Amino acid sequence: MTDSTRSRATGKRRRLTAAAARVLHEQGVERTTIADIAKAADVPTGNVYYYFKTKDDLVQAALHEHTGRLTRLTDELDRIPDPLDRLKALVNAWTAQRDVAARYGCPTGTLATELDKRPEGGLDLEAAKVVRVLLAWVEHQFRELGLSGPDDLAVTLVAGYQGMSVLANALRDPEIMTREGARLTRWLDSLRTP
């Protein structure tokens, strides 16, 4: 395989993975077909099977895409010197996605919920791994702040995000994200106050 052929193949695989993450978020697993993902990635449907044998393989790739996006975000946030400011920047990143959340919910949360309802198991556990990556990062920030119960605080913050995403989506109201994001920021500020 030449470098040019390898580069094109890598590009198609990347496009399919990104398209899978986006289309599965917008349509859900059960409503999404391989043809939908192929069309969104601008790849002939028959070519998809060269990279991904089944739709579940595409779901797995979408979960890896979510992990990658989360890792890129937390790497960027890690450049902020103060852990409290990192957490507040995380909340700001969530609220910046308020229109998407109001339309489709949290990309990982909605996927995890849908996968949990499937009769065949396995991918729901993969989705949980993405959530655990977020929880671990948030817990680390609370630990750096020297607060007691950093694991519980991490669950509270992430649950706040998931709750505001679900409500914004259910009510199709992005302002819920704005209001609840501000409430989470005030809560974070209160943790540092003696």
N, C-alpha and C. Protein backbone atom coordinates (compact mmCIF):
# COMPACT_ATOMS: atom_id res chain seq x y z
N MET A 1 0.85 -1.18 0.00
CA MET A 1 0.00 0.00 0.00
C MET A 1 0.90 1.24 0.00
N THR A 2 0.65 2.15 -0.92
CA THR A 2 1.45 3.37 -0.99
C THR A 2 1.04 4.33 0.11
N ASP A 3 1.91 5.32 0.36
CA ASP A 3 1.59 6.33 1.38
C ASP A 3 0.32 7.09 1.03
N SER A 4 0.13 7.36 -0.26
CA SER A 4 -1.06 8.09 -0.70
C SER A 4 -2.33 7.26 -0.46
N THR A 5 -2.26 5.97 -0.78
CA THR A 5 -3.41 5.09 -0.56
C THR A 5 -3.69 4.95 0.93
N ARG A 6 -2.64 4.80 1.72
CA ARG A 6 -2.79 4.68 3.17
C ARG A 6 -3.40 5.97 3.75
N SER A 7 -2.97 7.11 3.25
CA SER A 7 -3.48 8.40 3.73
C SER A 7 -4.96 8.54 3.39
N ARG A 8 -5.36 8.13 2.17
CA ARG A 8 -6.77 8.20 1.79
C ARG A 8 -7.60 7.26 2.66
N ALA A 9 -7.08 6.07 2.92
CA ALA A 9 -7.81 5.11 3.76
C ALA A 9 -7.97 5.64 5.17
N THR A 10 -6.91 6.23 5.70
CA THR A 10 -6.98 6.82 7.05
C THR A 10 -7.98 7.96 7.07
N GLY A 11 -7.98 8.77 6.02
CA GLY A 11 -8.93 9.88 5.94
C GLY A 11 -10.37 9.40 5.89
N LYS A 12 -10.63 8.34 5.12
CA LYS A 12 -12.00 7.79 5.05
C LYS A 12 -12.42 7.24 6.41
N ARG A 13 -11.51 6.52 7.05
CA ARG A 13 -11.83 5.95 8.36
C ARG A 13 -12.14 7.07 9.35
N ARG A 14 -11.34 8.13 9.34
CA ARG A 14 -11.57 9.27 10.24
C ARG A 14 -12.92 9.92 9.95
N ARG A 15 -13.22 10.12 8.66
CA ARG A 15 -14.50 10.73 8.29
C ARG A 15 -15.67 9.85 8.74
N LEU A 16 -15.53 8.55 8.56
CA LEU A 16 -16.60 7.64 8.99
C LEU A 16 -16.79 7.68 10.50
N THR A 17 -15.69 7.72 11.24
CA THR A 17 -15.77 7.76 12.70
C THR A 17 -16.44 9.05 13.17
N ALA A 18 -16.02 10.18 12.61
CA ALA A 18 -16.62 11.47 12.99
C ALA A 18 -18.09 11.51 12.60
N ALA A 19 -18.40 11.00 11.41
CA ALA A 19 -19.79 10.98 10.96
C ALA A 19 -20.63 10.07 11.85
N ALA A 20 -20.08 8.93 12.23
CA ALA A 20 -20.81 8.01 13.12
C ALA A 20 -21.15 8.70 14.43
N ALA A 21 -20.18 9.39 15.01
CA ALA A 21 -20.43 10.09 16.29
C ALA A 21 -21.54 11.12 16.13
N ARG A 22 -21.48 11.89 15.04
CA ARG A 22 -22.47 12.95 14.82
C ARG A 22 -23.86 12.37 14.51
N VAL A 23 -23.93 11.44 13.57
CA VAL A 23 -25.23 10.91 13.13
C VAL A 23 -25.89 10.09 14.24
N LEU A 24 -25.12 9.29 14.95
CA LEU A 24 -25.69 8.52 16.06
C LEU A 24 -26.22 9.44 17.14
N HIS A 25 -25.54 10.57 17.37
CA HIS A 25 -26.02 11.54 18.35
C HIS A 25 -27.33 12.16 17.88
N GLU A 26 -27.40 12.50 16.61
CA GLU A 26 -28.59 13.17 16.09
C GLU A 26 -29.78 12.24 15.89
N GLN A 27 -29.53 11.00 15.49
CA GLN A 27 -30.63 10.10 15.14
C GLN A 27 -30.83 8.94 16.11
N GLY A 28 -29.81 8.63 16.89
CA GLY A 28 -29.89 7.46 17.76
C GLY A 28 -29.40 6.22 17.03
N VAL A 29 -29.06 5.21 17.78
CA VAL A 29 -28.49 3.98 17.22
C VAL A 29 -29.51 3.24 16.37
N GLU A 30 -30.69 3.06 16.89
CA GLU A 30 -31.68 2.22 16.19
C GLU A 30 -32.15 2.85 14.89
N ARG A 31 -32.24 4.17 14.82
CA ARG A 31 -32.72 4.84 13.61
C ARG A 31 -31.63 5.06 12.58
N THR A 32 -30.38 4.92 12.97
CA THR A 32 -29.26 5.18 12.07
C THR A 32 -28.88 3.93 11.29
N THR A 33 -28.69 4.11 10.00
CA THR A 33 -28.23 3.01 9.16
C THR A 33 -26.77 3.26 8.76
N ILE A 34 -26.13 2.21 8.31
CA ILE A 34 -24.77 2.36 7.81
C ILE A 34 -24.77 3.32 6.62
N ALA A 35 -25.82 3.28 5.81
CA ALA A 35 -25.92 4.19 4.67
C ALA A 35 -25.99 5.65 5.13
N ASP A 36 -26.68 5.92 6.25
CA ASP A 36 -26.74 7.28 6.79
C ASP A 36 -25.34 7.79 7.13
N ILE A 37 -24.57 6.94 7.77
CA ILE A 37 -23.22 7.31 8.18
C ILE A 37 -22.32 7.48 6.95
N ALA A 38 -22.44 6.59 6.01
CA ALA A 38 -21.65 6.68 4.78
C ALA A 38 -21.95 7.99 4.05
N LYS A 39 -23.21 8.32 3.95
CA LYS A 39 -23.61 9.57 3.28
C LYS A 39 -23.03 10.79 4.01
N ALA A 40 -23.12 10.80 5.33
CA ALA A 40 -22.60 11.93 6.11
C ALA A 40 -21.08 12.04 5.98
N ALA A 41 -20.41 10.91 5.77
CA ALA A 41 -18.95 10.90 5.65
C ALA A 41 -18.50 11.07 4.19
N ASP A 42 -19.46 11.10 3.27
CA ASP A 42 -19.16 11.19 1.84
C ASP A 42 -18.28 10.02 1.40
N VAL A 43 -18.70 8.83 1.81
CA VAL A 43 -18.00 7.59 1.47
C VAL A 43 -19.05 6.64 0.89
N PRO A 44 -18.76 5.97 -0.23
CA PRO A 44 -19.73 5.00 -0.76
C PRO A 44 -20.07 3.95 0.30
N THR A 45 -21.35 3.61 0.37
CA THR A 45 -21.82 2.68 1.41
C THR A 45 -21.03 1.37 1.40
N GLY A 46 -20.74 0.84 0.24
CA GLY A 46 -19.99 -0.42 0.16
C GLY A 46 -18.60 -0.33 0.75
N ASN A 47 -18.02 0.85 0.72
CA ASN A 47 -16.67 1.04 1.27
C ASN A 47 -16.64 1.00 2.79
N VAL A 48 -17.78 1.25 3.41
CA VAL A 48 -17.84 1.27 4.88
C VAL A 48 -17.38 -0.07 5.43
N TYR A 49 -17.78 -1.15 4.78
CA TYR A 49 -17.50 -2.50 5.28
C TYR A 49 -16.01 -2.84 5.24
N TYR A 50 -15.26 -2.10 4.47
CA TYR A 50 -13.81 -2.28 4.46
C TYR A 50 -13.21 -1.84 5.81
N TYR A 51 -13.83 -0.83 6.42
CA TYR A 51 -13.32 -0.26 7.67
C TYR A 51 -14.07 -0.78 8.89
N PHE A 52 -15.37 -1.00 8.74
CA PHE A 52 -16.22 -1.41 9.86
C PHE A 52 -17.15 -2.51 9.38
N LYS A 53 -17.06 -3.66 10.00
CA LYS A 53 -17.83 -4.82 9.54
C LYS A 53 -19.31 -4.74 9.90
N THR A 54 -19.62 -4.08 11.03
CA THR A 54 -21.01 -4.02 11.50
C THR A 54 -21.32 -2.62 12.00
N LYS A 55 -22.60 -2.38 12.19
CA LYS A 55 -23.02 -1.09 12.77
C LYS A 55 -22.47 -0.95 14.19
N ASP A 56 -22.41 -2.05 14.92
CA ASP A 56 -21.85 -1.98 16.27
C ASP A 56 -20.38 -1.55 16.25
N ASP A 57 -19.65 -1.94 15.21
CA ASP A 57 -18.27 -1.47 15.08
C ASP A 57 -18.24 0.05 14.90
N LEU A 58 -19.22 0.58 14.17
CA LEU A 58 -19.31 2.03 14.01
C LEU A 58 -19.71 2.71 15.33
N VAL A 59 -20.58 2.07 16.09
CA VAL A 59 -20.94 2.62 17.40
C VAL A 59 -19.70 2.66 18.30
N GLN A 60 -18.94 1.58 18.27
CA GLN A 60 -17.68 1.52 19.05
C GLN A 60 -16.75 2.65 18.61
N ALA A 61 -16.64 2.87 17.31
CA ALA A 61 -15.79 3.95 16.79
C ALA A 61 -16.30 5.31 17.26
N ALA A 62 -17.62 5.48 17.29
CA ALA A 62 -18.20 6.74 17.76
C ALA A 62 -17.86 6.96 19.23
N LEU A 63 -17.89 5.91 20.02
CA LEU A 63 -17.53 6.03 21.44
C LEU A 63 -16.07 6.43 21.59
N HIS A 64 -15.21 5.88 20.74
CA HIS A 64 -13.79 6.28 20.77
C HIS A 64 -13.65 7.75 20.36
N GLU A 65 -14.47 8.18 19.43
CA GLU A 65 -14.48 9.59 19.01
C GLU A 65 -14.88 10.48 20.19
N HIS A 66 -15.90 10.07 20.94
CA HIS A 66 -16.31 10.85 22.12
C HIS A 66 -15.18 10.92 23.14
N THR A 67 -14.50 9.80 23.35
CA THR A 67 -13.37 9.78 24.28
C THR A 67 -12.27 10.72 23.80
N GLY A 68 -11.99 10.69 22.51
CA GLY A 68 -10.97 11.57 21.94
C GLY A 68 -11.32 13.03 22.10
N ARG A 69 -12.57 13.38 21.84
CA ARG A 69 -13.01 14.78 22.01
C ARG A 69 -12.89 15.20 23.47
N LEU A 70 -13.31 14.32 24.36
CA LEU A 70 -13.23 14.63 25.78
C LEU A 70 -11.78 14.81 26.20
N THR A 71 -10.91 13.95 25.74
CA THR A 71 -9.49 14.04 26.08
C THR A 71 -8.88 15.33 25.55
N ARG A 72 -9.24 15.71 24.32
CA ARG A 72 -8.72 16.98 23.78
C ARG A 72 -9.21 18.16 24.60
N LEU A 73 -10.48 18.12 25.02
CA LEU A 73 -11.02 19.21 25.84
C LEU A 73 -10.31 19.27 27.19
N THR A 74 -10.17 18.14 27.86
CA THR A 74 -9.55 18.17 29.19
C THR A 74 -8.06 18.51 29.09
N ASP A 75 -7.40 18.10 28.02
CA ASP A 75 -6.00 18.51 27.82
C ASP A 75 -5.90 20.02 27.69
N GLU A 76 -6.84 20.60 26.97
CA GLU A 76 -6.87 22.06 26.82
C GLU A 76 -7.15 22.72 28.17
N LEU A 77 -8.11 22.18 28.91
CA LEU A 77 -8.45 22.75 30.22
C LEU A 77 -7.31 22.61 31.21
N ASP A 78 -6.51 21.55 31.06
CA ASP A 78 -5.38 21.35 31.96
C ASP A 78 -4.32 22.45 31.85
N ARG A 79 -4.38 23.24 30.81
CA ARG A 79 -3.45 24.37 30.68
C ARG A 79 -3.82 25.52 31.60
N ILE A 80 -5.03 25.50 32.13
CA ILE A 80 -5.47 26.54 33.07
C ILE A 80 -4.85 26.22 34.42
N PRO A 81 -4.16 27.17 35.03
CA PRO A 81 -3.40 26.86 36.27
C PRO A 81 -4.25 26.41 37.46
N ASP A 82 -5.42 26.99 37.64
CA ASP A 82 -6.21 26.73 38.85
C ASP A 82 -7.27 25.66 38.58
N PRO A 83 -7.34 24.60 39.40
CA PRO A 83 -8.33 23.54 39.17
C PRO A 83 -9.78 24.02 39.23
N LEU A 84 -10.06 24.99 40.08
CA LEU A 84 -11.43 25.52 40.14
C LEU A 84 -11.77 26.22 38.82
N ASP A 85 -10.82 26.97 38.29
CA ASP A 85 -11.05 27.63 37.00
C ASP A 85 -11.19 26.59 35.88
N ARG A 86 -10.48 25.47 36.00
CA ARG A 86 -10.63 24.39 35.01
C ARG A 86 -12.06 23.85 35.02
N LEU A 87 -12.57 23.62 36.24
CA LEU A 87 -13.93 23.10 36.36
C LEU A 87 -14.96 24.09 35.82
N LYS A 88 -14.75 25.37 36.12
CA LYS A 88 -15.68 26.39 35.61
C LYS A 88 -15.59 26.49 34.08
N ALA A 89 -14.40 26.31 33.54
CA ALA A 89 -14.24 26.31 32.08
C ALA A 89 -14.94 25.10 31.47
N LEU A 90 -14.93 23.97 32.17
CA LEU A 90 -15.65 22.79 31.72
C LEU A 90 -17.15 23.09 31.63
N VAL A 91 -17.68 23.71 32.68
CA VAL A 91 -19.10 24.09 32.68
C VAL A 91 -19.38 25.04 31.52
N ASN A 92 -18.48 25.99 31.29
CA ASN A 92 -18.67 26.91 30.16
C ASN A 92 -18.67 26.17 28.83
N ALA A 93 -17.81 25.17 28.70
CA ALA A 93 -17.78 24.37 27.47
C ALA A 93 -19.11 23.64 27.28
N TRP A 94 -19.66 23.13 28.37
CA TRP A 94 -20.96 22.46 28.29
C TRP A 94 -22.04 23.44 27.84
N THR A 95 -22.09 24.60 28.49
CA THR A 95 -23.16 25.55 28.16
C THR A 95 -22.97 26.15 26.76
N ALA A 96 -21.75 26.17 26.26
CA ALA A 96 -21.52 26.65 24.89
C ALA A 96 -22.19 25.72 23.87
N GLN A 97 -22.45 24.50 24.27
CA GLN A 97 -23.11 23.52 23.40
C GLN A 97 -24.62 23.44 23.67
N ARG A 98 -25.17 24.49 24.26
CA ARG A 98 -26.58 24.46 24.70
C ARG A 98 -27.57 24.20 23.57
N ASP A 99 -27.32 24.75 22.38
CA ASP A 99 -28.26 24.52 21.28
C ASP A 99 -28.25 23.07 20.82
N VAL A 100 -27.07 22.48 20.77
CA VAL A 100 -26.95 21.06 20.39
C VAL A 100 -27.59 20.19 21.47
N ALA A 101 -27.33 20.52 22.73
CA ALA A 101 -27.92 19.74 23.83
C ALA A 101 -29.44 19.84 23.82
N ALA A 102 -29.97 21.02 23.53
CA ALA A 102 -31.42 21.19 23.51
C ALA A 102 -32.04 20.39 22.37
N ARG A 103 -31.31 20.20 21.31
CA ARG A 103 -31.85 19.44 20.18
C ARG A 103 -31.65 17.94 20.32
N TYR A 104 -30.46 17.52 20.82
CA TYR A 104 -30.12 16.10 20.80
C TYR A 104 -29.70 15.52 22.15
N GLY A 105 -29.51 16.34 23.18
CA GLY A 105 -29.02 15.85 24.46
C GLY A 105 -27.50 15.76 24.47
N CYS A 106 -26.96 15.20 25.53
CA CYS A 106 -25.52 15.00 25.66
C CYS A 106 -25.11 13.86 24.73
N PRO A 107 -24.06 14.05 23.92
CA PRO A 107 -23.68 12.99 22.98
C PRO A 107 -23.40 11.65 23.66
N THR A 108 -22.64 11.66 24.72
CA THR A 108 -22.30 10.41 25.39
C THR A 108 -23.44 9.90 26.25
N GLY A 109 -24.10 10.80 26.97
CA GLY A 109 -25.19 10.40 27.86
C GLY A 109 -26.35 9.76 27.12
N THR A 110 -26.75 10.37 26.00
CA THR A 110 -27.87 9.80 25.25
C THR A 110 -27.49 8.46 24.63
N LEU A 111 -26.24 8.36 24.16
CA LEU A 111 -25.78 7.10 23.59
C LEU A 111 -25.73 6.01 24.66
N ALA A 112 -25.21 6.36 25.83
CA ALA A 112 -25.13 5.39 26.93
C ALA A 112 -26.52 4.89 27.33
N THR A 113 -27.46 5.80 27.41
CA THR A 113 -28.83 5.43 27.79
C THR A 113 -29.46 4.52 26.74
N GLU A 114 -29.27 4.86 25.47
CA GLU A 114 -29.85 4.04 24.41
C GLU A 114 -29.21 2.65 24.36
N LEU A 115 -27.89 2.61 24.50
CA LEU A 115 -27.20 1.32 24.43
C LEU A 115 -27.58 0.41 25.60
N ASP A 116 -27.90 1.00 26.74
CA ASP A 116 -28.30 0.21 27.91
C ASP A 116 -29.62 -0.52 27.69
N LYS A 117 -30.43 -0.01 26.78
CA LYS A 117 -31.75 -0.60 26.54
C LYS A 117 -31.72 -1.71 25.50
N ARG A 118 -30.59 -1.91 24.87
CA ARG A 118 -30.49 -2.95 23.84
C ARG A 118 -30.41 -4.32 24.50
N PRO A 119 -31.02 -5.32 23.86
CA PRO A 119 -30.98 -6.67 24.44
C PRO A 119 -29.57 -7.27 24.46
N GLU A 120 -28.77 -6.97 23.44
CA GLU A 120 -27.39 -7.48 23.43
C GLU A 120 -26.51 -6.49 24.18
N GLY A 121 -25.67 -6.99 25.05
CA GLY A 121 -24.87 -6.12 25.91
C GLY A 121 -23.49 -5.86 25.36
N GLY A 122 -22.76 -5.07 26.10
CA GLY A 122 -21.37 -4.82 25.79
C GLY A 122 -21.07 -3.38 25.46
N LEU A 123 -21.79 -2.82 24.50
CA LEU A 123 -21.50 -1.44 24.12
C LEU A 123 -21.93 -0.45 25.20
N ASP A 124 -22.92 -0.82 26.00
CA ASP A 124 -23.31 0.04 27.11
C ASP A 124 -22.15 0.18 28.10
N LEU A 125 -21.39 -0.88 28.28
CA LEU A 125 -20.22 -0.82 29.17
C LEU A 125 -19.12 0.04 28.56
N GLU A 126 -19.01 0.02 27.23
CA GLU A 126 -18.04 0.88 26.55
C GLU A 126 -18.43 2.35 26.71
N ALA A 127 -19.72 2.64 26.63
CA ALA A 127 -20.20 4.01 26.82
C ALA A 127 -19.91 4.48 28.25
N ALA A 128 -20.06 3.58 29.20
CA ALA A 128 -19.78 3.92 30.60
C ALA A 128 -18.31 4.30 30.78
N LYS A 129 -17.43 3.70 29.99
CA LYS A 129 -16.00 4.04 30.10
C LYS A 129 -15.76 5.50 29.76
N VAL A 130 -16.49 6.02 28.77
CA VAL A 130 -16.34 7.43 28.40
C VAL A 130 -16.76 8.32 29.58
N VAL A 131 -17.87 7.97 30.20
CA VAL A 131 -18.35 8.74 31.36
C VAL A 131 -17.33 8.65 32.49
N ARG A 132 -16.73 7.50 32.67
CA ARG A 132 -15.72 7.33 33.73
C ARG A 132 -14.48 8.19 33.49
N VAL A 133 -14.12 8.39 32.23
CA VAL A 133 -12.99 9.27 31.90
C VAL A 133 -13.30 10.69 32.38
N LEU A 134 -14.52 11.15 32.12
CA LEU A 134 -14.92 12.48 32.57
C LEU A 134 -14.94 12.55 34.10
N LEU A 135 -15.56 11.57 34.73
CA LEU A 135 -15.62 11.56 36.20
C LEU A 135 -14.22 11.57 36.82
N ALA A 136 -13.31 10.80 36.27
CA ALA A 136 -11.94 10.75 36.81
C ALA A 136 -11.26 12.10 36.69
N TRP A 137 -11.42 12.76 35.55
CA TRP A 137 -10.80 14.07 35.37
C TRP A 137 -11.38 15.08 36.35
N VAL A 138 -12.71 15.10 36.48
CA VAL A 138 -13.36 16.04 37.40
C VAL A 138 -12.94 15.75 38.84
N GLU A 139 -12.92 14.47 39.21
CA GLU A 139 -12.48 14.09 40.56
C GLU A 139 -11.06 14.58 40.83
N HIS A 140 -10.19 14.45 39.86
CA HIS A 140 -8.81 14.91 40.01
C HIS A 140 -8.77 16.41 40.31
N GLN A 141 -9.63 17.18 39.67
CA GLN A 141 -9.65 18.64 39.91
C GLN A 141 -10.07 18.92 41.35
N PHE A 142 -11.10 18.24 41.83
CA PHE A 142 -11.55 18.43 43.20
C PHE A 142 -10.48 17.98 44.20
N ARG A 143 -9.78 16.92 43.86
CA ARG A 143 -8.69 16.44 44.71
C ARG A 143 -7.58 17.50 44.80
N GLU A 144 -7.24 18.10 43.66
CA GLU A 144 -6.22 19.16 43.65
C GLU A 144 -6.65 20.36 44.49
N LEU A 145 -7.94 20.60 44.55
CA LEU A 145 -8.44 21.70 45.38
C LEU A 145 -8.38 21.37 46.87
N GLY A 146 -8.10 20.10 47.18
CA GLY A 146 -8.01 19.69 48.58
C GLY A 146 -9.36 19.53 49.26
N LEU A 147 -10.40 19.34 48.48
CA LEU A 147 -11.74 19.20 49.04
C LEU A 147 -12.00 17.75 49.44
N SER A 148 -12.75 17.57 50.51
CA SER A 148 -13.08 16.21 50.93
C SER A 148 -14.18 15.66 50.03
N GLY A 149 -14.14 14.35 49.83
CA GLY A 149 -15.14 13.68 49.00
C GLY A 149 -15.06 14.07 47.53
N PRO A 150 -13.85 14.09 46.94
CA PRO A 150 -13.75 14.52 45.54
C PRO A 150 -14.53 13.62 44.58
N ASP A 151 -14.67 12.34 44.91
CA ASP A 151 -15.43 11.44 44.04
C ASP A 151 -16.92 11.80 44.06
N ASP A 152 -17.45 12.11 45.24
CA ASP A 152 -18.85 12.52 45.35
C ASP A 152 -19.09 13.86 44.66
N LEU A 153 -18.15 14.78 44.83
CA LEU A 153 -18.28 16.09 44.18
C LEU A 153 -18.26 15.93 42.66
N ALA A 154 -17.43 15.01 42.17
CA ALA A 154 -17.37 14.77 40.72
C ALA A 154 -18.71 14.24 40.22
N VAL A 155 -19.30 13.31 40.94
CA VAL A 155 -20.60 12.78 40.55
C VAL A 155 -21.65 13.89 40.55
N THR A 156 -21.62 14.75 41.56
CA THR A 156 -22.58 15.85 41.64
C THR A 156 -22.46 16.77 40.42
N LEU A 157 -21.23 17.13 40.05
CA LEU A 157 -21.04 18.03 38.91
C LEU A 157 -21.47 17.37 37.60
N VAL A 158 -21.03 16.15 37.37
CA VAL A 158 -21.37 15.47 36.12
C VAL A 158 -22.87 15.17 36.06
N ALA A 159 -23.46 14.81 37.20
CA ALA A 159 -24.90 14.58 37.23
C ALA A 159 -25.66 15.88 36.93
N GLY A 160 -25.14 17.00 37.42
CA GLY A 160 -25.75 18.30 37.11
C GLY A 160 -25.75 18.55 35.61
N TYR A 161 -24.63 18.24 34.98
CA TYR A 161 -24.54 18.40 33.52
C TYR A 161 -25.52 17.47 32.80
N GLN A 162 -25.52 16.21 33.19
CA GLN A 162 -26.42 15.27 32.53
C GLN A 162 -27.88 15.68 32.72
N GLY A 163 -28.21 16.12 33.93
CA GLY A 163 -29.58 16.55 34.20
C GLY A 163 -29.99 17.75 33.37
N MET A 164 -29.10 18.73 33.27
CA MET A 164 -29.47 19.92 32.50
C MET A 164 -29.54 19.59 31.01
N SER A 165 -28.73 18.64 30.55
CA SER A 165 -28.79 18.22 29.14
C SER A 165 -30.11 17.52 28.84
N VAL A 166 -30.52 16.63 29.75
CA VAL A 166 -31.78 15.90 29.54
C VAL A 166 -32.95 16.87 29.54
N LEU A 167 -32.99 17.78 30.50
CA LEU A 167 -34.11 18.73 30.57
C LEU A 167 -34.12 19.68 29.38
N ALA A 168 -32.95 20.18 28.99
CA ALA A 168 -32.88 21.07 27.83
C ALA A 168 -33.38 20.34 26.59
N ASN A 169 -33.01 19.07 26.46
CA ASN A 169 -33.45 18.28 25.31
C ASN A 169 -34.94 17.98 25.38
N ALA A 170 -35.41 17.54 26.53
CA ALA A 170 -36.83 17.17 26.67
C ALA A 170 -37.74 18.37 26.41
N LEU A 171 -37.31 19.55 26.89
CA LEU A 171 -38.12 20.75 26.75
C LEU A 171 -37.74 21.60 25.54
N ARG A 172 -36.68 21.15 24.82
CA ARG A 172 -36.15 21.90 23.67
C ARG A 172 -35.87 23.36 24.06
N ASP A 173 -35.24 23.52 25.22
CA ASP A 173 -34.99 24.86 25.77
C ASP A 173 -33.51 25.01 26.12
N PRO A 174 -32.71 25.62 25.24
CA PRO A 174 -31.29 25.78 25.52
C PRO A 174 -31.00 26.67 26.73
N GLU A 175 -31.95 27.51 27.10
CA GLU A 175 -31.72 28.39 28.25
C GLU A 175 -31.61 27.62 29.56
N ILE A 176 -32.13 26.41 29.59
CA ILE A 176 -31.94 25.57 30.77
C ILE A 176 -30.46 25.32 30.98
N MET A 177 -29.74 25.09 29.90
CA MET A 177 -28.29 24.89 29.99
C MET A 177 -27.62 26.15 30.53
N THR A 178 -28.05 27.29 30.06
CA THR A 178 -27.46 28.56 30.50
C THR A 178 -27.70 28.77 32.00
N ARG A 179 -28.95 28.63 32.41
CA ARG A 179 -29.30 28.85 33.83
C ARG A 179 -28.63 27.84 34.74
N GLU A 180 -28.71 26.56 34.36
CA GLU A 180 -28.13 25.52 35.22
C GLU A 180 -26.60 25.57 35.20
N GLY A 181 -26.02 25.97 34.08
CA GLY A 181 -24.57 26.15 34.03
C GLY A 181 -24.13 27.25 35.00
N ALA A 182 -24.90 28.34 35.05
CA ALA A 182 -24.60 29.43 35.99
C ALA A 182 -24.74 28.93 37.43
N ARG A 183 -25.75 28.11 37.68
CA ARG A 183 -25.94 27.56 39.03
C ARG A 183 -24.77 26.66 39.41
N LEU A 184 -24.31 25.83 38.48
CA LEU A 184 -23.16 24.96 38.76
C LEU A 184 -21.90 25.79 39.02
N THR A 185 -21.74 26.88 38.29
CA THR A 185 -20.58 27.76 38.51
C THR A 185 -20.64 28.39 39.90
N ARG A 186 -21.82 28.83 40.31
CA ARG A 186 -21.96 29.40 41.66
C ARG A 186 -21.67 28.34 42.72
N TRP A 187 -22.14 27.12 42.47
CA TRP A 187 -21.87 26.02 43.41
C TRP A 187 -20.37 25.78 43.51
N LEU A 188 -19.68 25.74 42.38
CA LEU A 188 -18.24 25.55 42.39
C LEU A 188 -17.55 26.66 43.19
N ASP A 189 -17.96 27.89 42.97
CA ASP A 189 -17.37 29.01 43.72
C ASP A 189 -17.62 28.87 45.21
N SER A 190 -18.77 28.35 45.58
CA SER A 190 -19.09 28.21 47.01
C SER A 190 -18.22 27.17 47.70
N LEU A 191 -17.67 26.24 46.94
CA LEU A 191 -16.85 25.18 47.54
C LEU A 191 -15.51 25.71 48.05
N ARG A 192 -15.04 26.76 47.45
CA ARG A 192 -13.77 27.34 47.84
C ARG A 192 -13.93 28.36 48.97
N THR A 193 -15.12 28.88 49.11
CA THR A 193 -15.38 29.90 50.13
C THR A 193 -15.36 29.24 51.52
N PRO A 194 -14.60 29.84 52.48
CA PRO A 194 -14.54 29.23 53.82
C PRO A 194 -15.86 29.31 54.55
